[in-house]
Every structure is written in structure tokens, then in C-alpha cells.
Amino acid sequence: MTLEDLRVFVAVCRAGSLSAVARELDRTQSAVSQHVKRLERETGVSLLERRPRGVVPTEAGRVLWDAAADGIAGLDVALRRLGDLVHGDSGSVRVTTGGTTVRHFMSEAVVAFRRRYPQVNLEFQTETSSRSCFDALTADNLDLAWVTIGGPVRGIEQRPVIDLPWVLAVRADDQLAGRTRVDVADLTDIRLIRLPHNSTSGIRLDSAFAELGVRTRSDTSVADWDTALLLAELGLGHAVVPALPGWRVPGDHGPLRLVPVPGLPPLPVGWAVRRWDALTPLARVFAETVASSCTEKAAGA
């Protein structure tokens, strides 16, 4: 039983697929399977149950998965801390997040952190959704993930930083553009630019609409909030998006107007980690710097 065997096994349990892990690690499916078989020989129990659409851990597999995931996470943190001891303030902080998150939530904080720690290596790994960020966090040697806070995720701790109110983005010549607020009932039958169905923000918005009885029509969908704003600016529909830190709401944003929708529950965003108490000192400082910056920008707006 090797550390690599355990890393591969944890990845397979997370992905639910031998082939997916093989692609991720750039190996053959047979090579990935051999790691699992070696663990099964040494433990004397079956660890995976084969199903038509992948694999799931058996009861014994879940026991090993939990222990291995915790052990690997602790070992990764220990190795990072040893590196910090050797290199002092020239260690690294690795963050996974969405493609536009750094610009909207972290730009000032990154500059402040860099000035304080000029030798630290900052690494940003882009993912397409909070779910992908969670997967990357558990599968790789990453410190932090900036996500939309959702329900509990196995092996992940989430910490909200800021609640984002929702706004309606409309063209300046739209009949709703002159309002200081939009009631939820006014959203019925609007031509909605849909957020991604698999994103936490999209799911929360759809759930809120369903609970409040709001019915919309849509023939356009996007992968991120920035694209939703652009399409609203082009007149392809109305976008209901979170108000990002520093935005003037209500207010003019070029050809767009952002109008508050106070009837929708705010969207919490913040940090996710494997274990808060195991974060490296540098990662903790970076997380706190970003949180402080977001809070200040929101208060100023």
C-alpha cells in the first residue's frame, strides 16, 4: 500500500469513475484499476462496487476513503508547512476559483498581500463552478477555494464572507430602468438570461423563483455573471445577478442600470477549505485579507 495508491483511490471515490480519474491523471484505466486492486489485496475486502454508470465505494471503501482523505489532506498541509519553515515568507498560496472571481472579489486584496509578502508564490486555478472547485480542493494540493456557499460537502469546510443582494440588470432604455427597486412580482414573464443550471447561484435563484411563484421565459443562458451582464447590455433579455462588492446599486453602469430586487434572499459567498485549523499561515493571511477587502468594499458601496 503506497501513498499513490491511496491518492488514486480517493480520486476514484470522489469522481465515481475509473476512466475519469485516468483522464485526469493522464494514465490508462488499467493503471488506475491496479492501484485499487492492490489496496483490495492488502486489506482483504472489496472497496468499490461496479455499477452501470461508474463505481461507488462499498461500506469498507467508505471507511478507507474517509481515513485516506483526512490523512492525505493532513500530510499535504504538513509538507506545505515544512516548505514555509524552509523558505520563510517565500512559500506559496494556491487558490481555486471561477474565472472572474479575482477581478470582482480579490483585486485589491491580491495587491495588498503581494506588497506584504513579495516573495510568496500566488497560484490561481480556474474552475467553472463551485462544485468543480470543491472537487479540485479535495483532489489537489490546494489551500483555498472561493465559492458560492451551498449545502454541506463531504470533507469540506465552508466559511461565508459576504452576502450578495440580487439586482436586475437592464438596458438604460428599458421600462424598469428608472426604478429604485423591483418587486419580485415584477419579474414574472420577463425574458430572463439564465445562469448556469449546475451552478450554486443558478440553483439558488431558480429555487427562490419557484418558492415565490415567479415564472420567467428564457431563450438564452450563460456560463458566468459577466456574460449575463453583457447580453443584458446587448438587449437579449434581463439578467438577475448578484450585486458584486463595490457596485453602486441602484446606479448607472454605462448602458446598463442595476436595480435592487430586495425580495430575493441574498447569495452567500466565501471560502472553502479542507480544514481551517490546518491552513498554512500564509494561506490564512490571504483568506483574511480577501475577506476584509470584500467587507470594506461592500460597506463603501
Protein backbone atom coordinates (compact mmCIF):
# COMPACT_ATOMS: atom_id res chain seq x y z
CA MET A 1 0.00 0.00 0.00
CA THR A 2 1.54 3.28 -1.11
CA LEU A 3 0.58 6.91 -0.77
CA GLU A 4 -0.05 6.99 -4.52
CA ASP A 5 -2.45 4.04 -4.16
CA LEU A 6 -4.43 5.98 -1.59
CA ARG A 7 -4.40 9.21 -3.62
CA VAL A 8 -5.77 7.40 -6.67
CA PHE A 9 -8.39 5.58 -4.59
CA VAL A 10 -9.61 8.87 -3.06
CA ALA A 11 -9.80 10.41 -6.53
CA VAL A 12 -11.84 7.45 -7.83
CA CYS A 13 -14.27 7.67 -4.91
CA ARG A 14 -14.68 11.39 -5.48
CA ALA A 15 -15.21 11.11 -9.24
CA GLY A 16 -17.20 7.86 -9.18
CA SER A 17 -15.36 6.74 -12.29
CA LEU A 18 -12.11 4.94 -13.08
CA SER A 19 -11.99 6.37 -16.59
CA ALA A 20 -12.49 9.96 -15.39
CA VAL A 21 -9.56 9.64 -13.00
CA ALA A 22 -7.46 8.04 -15.72
CA ARG A 23 -8.08 11.06 -17.95
CA GLU A 24 -7.41 13.46 -15.09
CA LEU A 25 -4.09 11.81 -14.26
CA ASP A 26 -3.18 11.12 -17.90
CA ARG A 27 -2.95 7.35 -17.29
CA THR A 28 -4.68 4.27 -18.60
CA GLN A 29 -7.79 2.98 -16.90
CA SER A 30 -5.95 -0.27 -16.27
CA ALA A 31 -3.21 1.57 -14.37
CA VAL A 32 -5.79 3.31 -12.19
CA SER A 33 -7.54 -0.01 -11.56
CA GLN A 34 -4.28 -1.60 -10.44
CA HIS A 35 -3.94 0.91 -7.59
CA VAL A 36 -7.41 -0.04 -6.31
CA LYS A 37 -6.78 -3.78 -6.73
CA ARG A 38 -3.54 -3.51 -4.75
CA LEU A 39 -5.43 -1.89 -1.88
CA GLU A 40 -8.11 -4.59 -2.05
CA ARG A 41 -5.49 -7.34 -1.91
CA GLU A 42 -3.78 -5.81 1.11
CA THR A 43 -6.99 -5.03 3.01
CA GLY A 44 -8.69 -8.27 2.05
CA VAL A 45 -12.01 -6.55 1.30
CA SER A 46 -13.80 -5.18 -1.74
CA LEU A 47 -13.50 -1.40 -1.81
CA LEU A 48 -15.53 -0.46 -4.89
CA GLU A 49 -18.87 -1.56 -6.24
CA ARG A 50 -19.13 -1.53 -10.03
CA ARG A 51 -22.33 -0.01 -11.41
CA PRO A 52 -23.55 0.65 -14.97
CA ARG A 53 -22.52 4.31 -14.76
CA GLY A 54 -19.35 4.11 -12.73
CA VAL A 55 -18.30 2.96 -9.29
CA VAL A 56 -19.22 3.74 -5.68
CA PRO A 57 -17.31 2.81 -2.52
CA THR A 58 -18.52 -0.17 -0.53
CA GLU A 59 -19.04 0.16 3.21
CA ALA A 60 -15.40 -0.83 3.70
CA GLY A 61 -14.41 1.52 0.91
CA ARG A 62 -16.09 4.46 2.64
CA VAL A 63 -14.13 3.73 5.80
CA LEU A 64 -10.85 3.77 3.89
CA TRP A 65 -11.92 6.79 1.82
CA ASP A 66 -12.61 8.89 4.93
CA ALA A 67 -9.36 7.91 6.60
CA ALA A 68 -7.24 8.30 3.47
CA ALA A 69 -8.74 11.68 2.52
CA ASP A 70 -8.11 13.07 6.01
CA GLY A 71 -4.61 11.60 6.11
CA ILE A 72 -3.63 12.92 2.68
CA ALA A 73 -5.00 16.37 3.48
CA GLY A 74 -3.02 16.45 6.73
CA LEU A 75 0.14 15.25 5.02
CA ASP A 76 -0.17 17.84 2.24
CA VAL A 77 -0.57 20.60 4.81
CA ALA A 78 2.43 19.32 6.78
CA LEU A 79 4.59 19.32 3.65
CA ARG A 80 3.49 22.85 2.83
CA ARG A 81 4.28 24.00 6.37
CA LEU A 82 7.70 22.39 6.18
CA GLY A 83 8.24 24.33 2.98
CA ASP A 84 7.23 27.55 4.72
CA LEU A 85 9.71 26.83 7.52
CA VAL A 86 12.47 26.31 5.00
CA HIS A 87 11.62 29.29 2.79
CA GLY A 88 10.22 31.67 5.39
CA ASP A 89 7.91 34.19 3.75
CA SER A 90 8.62 32.82 0.29
CA GLY A 91 6.18 29.94 0.36
CA SER A 92 3.07 29.68 -1.80
CA VAL A 93 -0.70 30.09 -1.64
CA ARG A 94 -2.80 28.09 -4.09
CA VAL A 95 -6.39 29.15 -4.78
CA THR A 96 -9.08 27.64 -6.97
CA THR A 97 -11.99 29.77 -8.08
CA GLY A 98 -14.07 30.96 -11.03
CA GLY A 99 -12.60 32.79 -14.00
CA THR A 100 -13.74 36.31 -12.99
CA THR A 101 -13.55 35.99 -9.22
CA VAL A 102 -10.12 37.55 -8.81
CA ARG A 103 -11.24 40.71 -10.61
CA HIS A 104 -14.52 41.05 -8.72
CA PHE A 105 -13.56 39.92 -5.21
CA MET A 106 -9.79 39.83 -4.81
CA SER A 107 -8.05 42.51 -6.89
CA GLU A 108 -7.28 44.94 -4.04
CA ALA A 109 -6.51 42.10 -1.64
CA VAL A 110 -4.04 40.49 -4.04
CA VAL A 111 -2.15 43.78 -4.36
CA ALA A 112 -2.09 44.29 -0.59
CA PHE A 113 -0.95 40.72 0.03
CA ARG A 114 1.78 40.98 -2.61
CA ARG A 115 3.13 44.17 -1.03
CA ARG A 116 3.28 42.46 2.35
CA TYR A 117 4.73 39.19 1.04
CA PRO A 118 6.65 40.00 -2.16
CA GLN A 119 8.34 36.56 -2.28
CA VAL A 120 5.21 34.42 -1.93
CA ASN A 121 4.11 32.48 -5.00
CA LEU A 122 0.40 33.04 -5.71
CA GLU A 123 -1.26 30.37 -7.86
CA PHE A 124 -4.83 30.60 -9.17
CA GLN A 125 -6.52 27.54 -10.68
CA THR A 126 -9.65 28.38 -12.66
CA GLU A 127 -12.77 26.20 -12.41
CA THR A 128 -16.23 26.60 -13.91
CA SER A 129 -18.41 26.12 -10.83
CA SER A 130 -18.35 25.82 -7.05
CA ARG A 131 -18.79 22.06 -7.45
CA SER A 132 -15.67 21.92 -9.60
CA CYS A 133 -13.82 24.00 -7.01
CA PHE A 134 -14.79 21.51 -4.29
CA ASP A 135 -13.57 18.63 -6.43
CA ALA A 136 -10.27 20.38 -7.16
CA LEU A 137 -9.82 21.21 -3.49
CA THR A 138 -10.17 17.59 -2.40
CA ALA A 139 -8.18 16.17 -5.32
CA ASP A 140 -5.21 18.53 -5.44
CA ASN A 141 -2.72 20.21 -3.14
CA LEU A 142 -4.72 23.44 -2.98
CA ASP A 143 -5.19 25.73 0.01
CA LEU A 144 -8.38 27.68 -0.63
CA ALA A 145 -11.45 27.74 -2.85
CA TRP A 146 -13.63 30.83 -3.33
CA VAL A 147 -17.17 29.54 -3.84
CA THR A 148 -20.84 30.26 -3.62
CA ILE A 149 -21.75 28.84 -0.23
CA GLY A 150 -24.15 25.91 -0.51
CA GLY A 151 -25.14 22.79 1.37
CA PRO A 152 -22.68 20.55 3.25
CA VAL A 153 -19.94 18.96 1.14
CA ARG A 154 -18.13 15.83 2.29
CA GLY A 155 -14.63 16.62 3.51
CA ILE A 156 -15.01 20.39 3.01
CA GLU A 157 -15.47 23.25 5.47
CA GLN A 158 -17.19 26.40 4.18
CA ARG A 159 -16.98 29.86 5.70
CA PRO A 160 -19.25 32.68 4.37
CA VAL A 161 -17.55 36.04 3.89
CA ILE A 162 -20.25 38.28 2.41
CA ASP A 163 -23.91 38.12 1.38
CA LEU A 164 -24.61 39.45 -2.12
CA PRO A 165 -28.02 41.03 -2.77
CA TRP A 166 -29.62 40.38 -6.15
CA VAL A 167 -30.09 43.06 -8.79
CA LEU A 168 -31.91 43.25 -12.10
CA ALA A 169 -29.58 44.33 -14.92
CA VAL A 170 -31.46 46.11 -17.71
CA ARG A 171 -30.63 48.43 -20.59
CA ALA A 172 -30.93 52.13 -19.85
CA ASP A 173 -33.91 52.39 -22.21
CA ASP A 174 -35.85 49.55 -20.53
CA GLN A 175 -39.14 50.39 -18.80
CA LEU A 176 -37.75 49.05 -15.50
CA ALA A 177 -34.51 51.04 -15.67
CA GLY A 178 -35.81 54.10 -13.85
CA ARG A 179 -36.94 52.28 -10.74
CA THR A 180 -35.17 52.38 -7.38
CA ARG A 181 -36.22 48.78 -6.70
CA VAL A 182 -38.02 45.93 -8.41
CA ASP A 183 -40.53 43.74 -6.60
CA VAL A 184 -40.31 40.00 -7.16
CA ALA A 185 -43.76 40.02 -8.76
CA ASP A 186 -42.45 42.38 -11.44
CA LEU A 187 -40.08 39.65 -12.64
CA THR A 188 -42.93 37.43 -13.85
CA ASP A 189 -42.78 36.90 -17.61
CA ILE A 190 -39.51 38.80 -18.07
CA ARG A 191 -37.17 37.44 -20.73
CA LEU A 192 -34.55 36.02 -18.38
CA ILE A 193 -30.92 35.39 -19.25
CA ARG A 194 -30.42 32.19 -17.29
CA LEU A 195 -27.48 31.46 -15.02
CA PRO A 196 -25.87 28.01 -15.34
CA HIS A 197 -28.21 25.21 -14.22
CA ASN A 198 -25.36 23.38 -12.48
CA SER A 199 -24.08 26.45 -10.61
CA THR A 200 -24.96 27.12 -6.98
CA SER A 201 -26.07 30.66 -7.82
CA GLY A 202 -28.33 29.41 -10.63
CA ILE A 203 -29.85 26.73 -8.41
CA ARG A 204 -30.50 29.21 -5.60
CA LEU A 205 -32.12 31.70 -7.96
CA ASP A 206 -34.33 29.03 -9.53
CA SER A 207 -35.35 27.80 -6.08
CA ALA A 208 -36.23 31.32 -4.95
CA PHE A 209 -38.32 31.89 -8.07
CA ALA A 210 -40.14 28.59 -7.51
CA GLU A 211 -40.88 29.37 -3.86
CA LEU A 212 -42.12 32.88 -4.71
CA GLY A 213 -44.19 31.74 -7.68
CA VAL A 214 -42.19 33.69 -10.25
CA ARG A 215 -42.42 32.35 -13.79
CA THR A 216 -39.98 33.61 -16.39
CA ARG A 217 -39.28 32.78 -20.00
CA SER A 218 -35.82 32.26 -21.37
CA ASP A 219 -34.09 31.53 -24.64
CA THR A 220 -30.57 32.49 -23.55
CA SER A 221 -28.22 31.01 -20.96
CA VAL A 222 -24.69 31.87 -19.89
CA ALA A 223 -21.73 30.36 -18.07
CA ASP A 224 -20.96 33.32 -15.76
CA TRP A 225 -22.32 36.57 -14.35
CA ASP A 226 -20.20 38.83 -16.57
CA THR A 227 -21.62 37.28 -19.73
CA ALA A 228 -25.15 37.72 -18.36
CA LEU A 229 -24.46 41.44 -17.92
CA LEU A 230 -23.06 41.74 -21.44
CA LEU A 231 -26.08 40.05 -23.01
CA ALA A 232 -28.42 42.26 -20.99
CA GLU A 233 -26.48 45.26 -22.28
CA LEU A 234 -26.97 43.97 -25.82
CA GLY A 235 -30.71 43.76 -25.28
CA LEU A 236 -31.03 39.95 -25.33
CA GLY A 237 -33.02 39.91 -22.11
CA HIS A 238 -32.96 40.78 -18.41
CA ALA A 239 -30.27 39.43 -16.09
CA VAL A 240 -30.83 38.77 -12.40
CA VAL A 241 -27.34 38.61 -10.90
CA PRO A 242 -25.67 39.14 -7.51
CA ALA A 243 -24.51 42.69 -6.78
CA LEU A 244 -20.74 42.41 -6.53
CA PRO A 245 -18.67 44.29 -3.93
CA GLY A 246 -18.15 47.93 -4.87
CA TRP A 247 -21.09 48.20 -7.29
CA ARG A 248 -23.36 51.22 -6.97
CA VAL A 249 -26.88 49.90 -6.55
CA PRO A 250 -29.09 51.35 -7.79
CA GLY A 251 -26.88 53.09 -10.29
CA ASP A 252 -25.70 53.64 -13.83
CA HIS A 253 -23.16 51.22 -15.23
CA GLY A 254 -22.59 52.51 -18.73
CA PRO A 255 -25.53 51.44 -20.89
CA LEU A 256 -26.83 49.25 -18.03
CA ARG A 257 -28.91 50.03 -15.00
CA LEU A 258 -28.72 47.85 -11.88
CA VAL A 259 -31.95 47.82 -9.89
CA PRO A 260 -32.18 46.07 -6.48
CA VAL A 261 -34.53 43.10 -6.05
CA PRO A 262 -34.81 43.05 -2.24
CA GLY A 263 -37.42 40.28 -2.22
CA LEU A 264 -34.85 37.65 -3.21
CA PRO A 265 -32.72 36.08 -0.45
CA PRO A 266 -29.08 37.21 -0.71
CA LEU A 267 -26.39 34.90 -2.09
CA PRO A 268 -23.62 33.98 0.37
CA VAL A 269 -20.08 33.63 -1.00
CA GLY A 270 -16.83 32.89 0.76
CA TRP A 271 -14.05 30.43 1.40
CA ALA A 272 -13.97 26.64 1.36
CA VAL A 273 -11.06 24.58 2.67
CA ARG A 274 -10.42 21.02 3.69
CA ARG A 275 -9.66 22.03 7.29
CA TRP A 276 -9.48 25.58 8.63
CA ASP A 277 -7.27 24.64 11.54
CA ALA A 278 -4.76 23.07 9.14
CA LEU A 279 -4.32 26.08 6.84
CA THR A 280 -0.78 27.34 6.43
CA PRO A 281 -0.14 30.76 7.99
CA LEU A 282 0.28 32.36 4.57
CA ALA A 283 -3.00 30.90 3.29
CA ARG A 284 -4.79 32.12 6.41
CA VAL A 285 -3.44 35.65 5.95
CA PHE A 286 -4.51 35.65 2.29
CA ALA A 287 -8.03 34.45 3.18
CA GLU A 288 -8.36 37.12 5.88
CA THR A 289 -7.06 39.83 3.54
CA VAL A 290 -9.64 38.97 0.89
CA ALA A 291 -12.45 38.80 3.46
CA SER A 292 -11.53 42.20 4.89
CA SER A 293 -11.32 43.77 1.43
CA CYS A 294 -14.74 42.43 0.39
CA THR A 295 -16.36 43.66 3.60
CA GLU A 296 -14.89 47.14 3.19
CA LYS A 297 -15.97 47.40 -0.47
CA ALA A 298 -19.50 46.28 0.34
CA ALA A 299 -19.77 48.76 3.20
CA GLY A 300 -18.50 51.57 0.98
CA ALA A 301 -20.97 50.78 -1.78
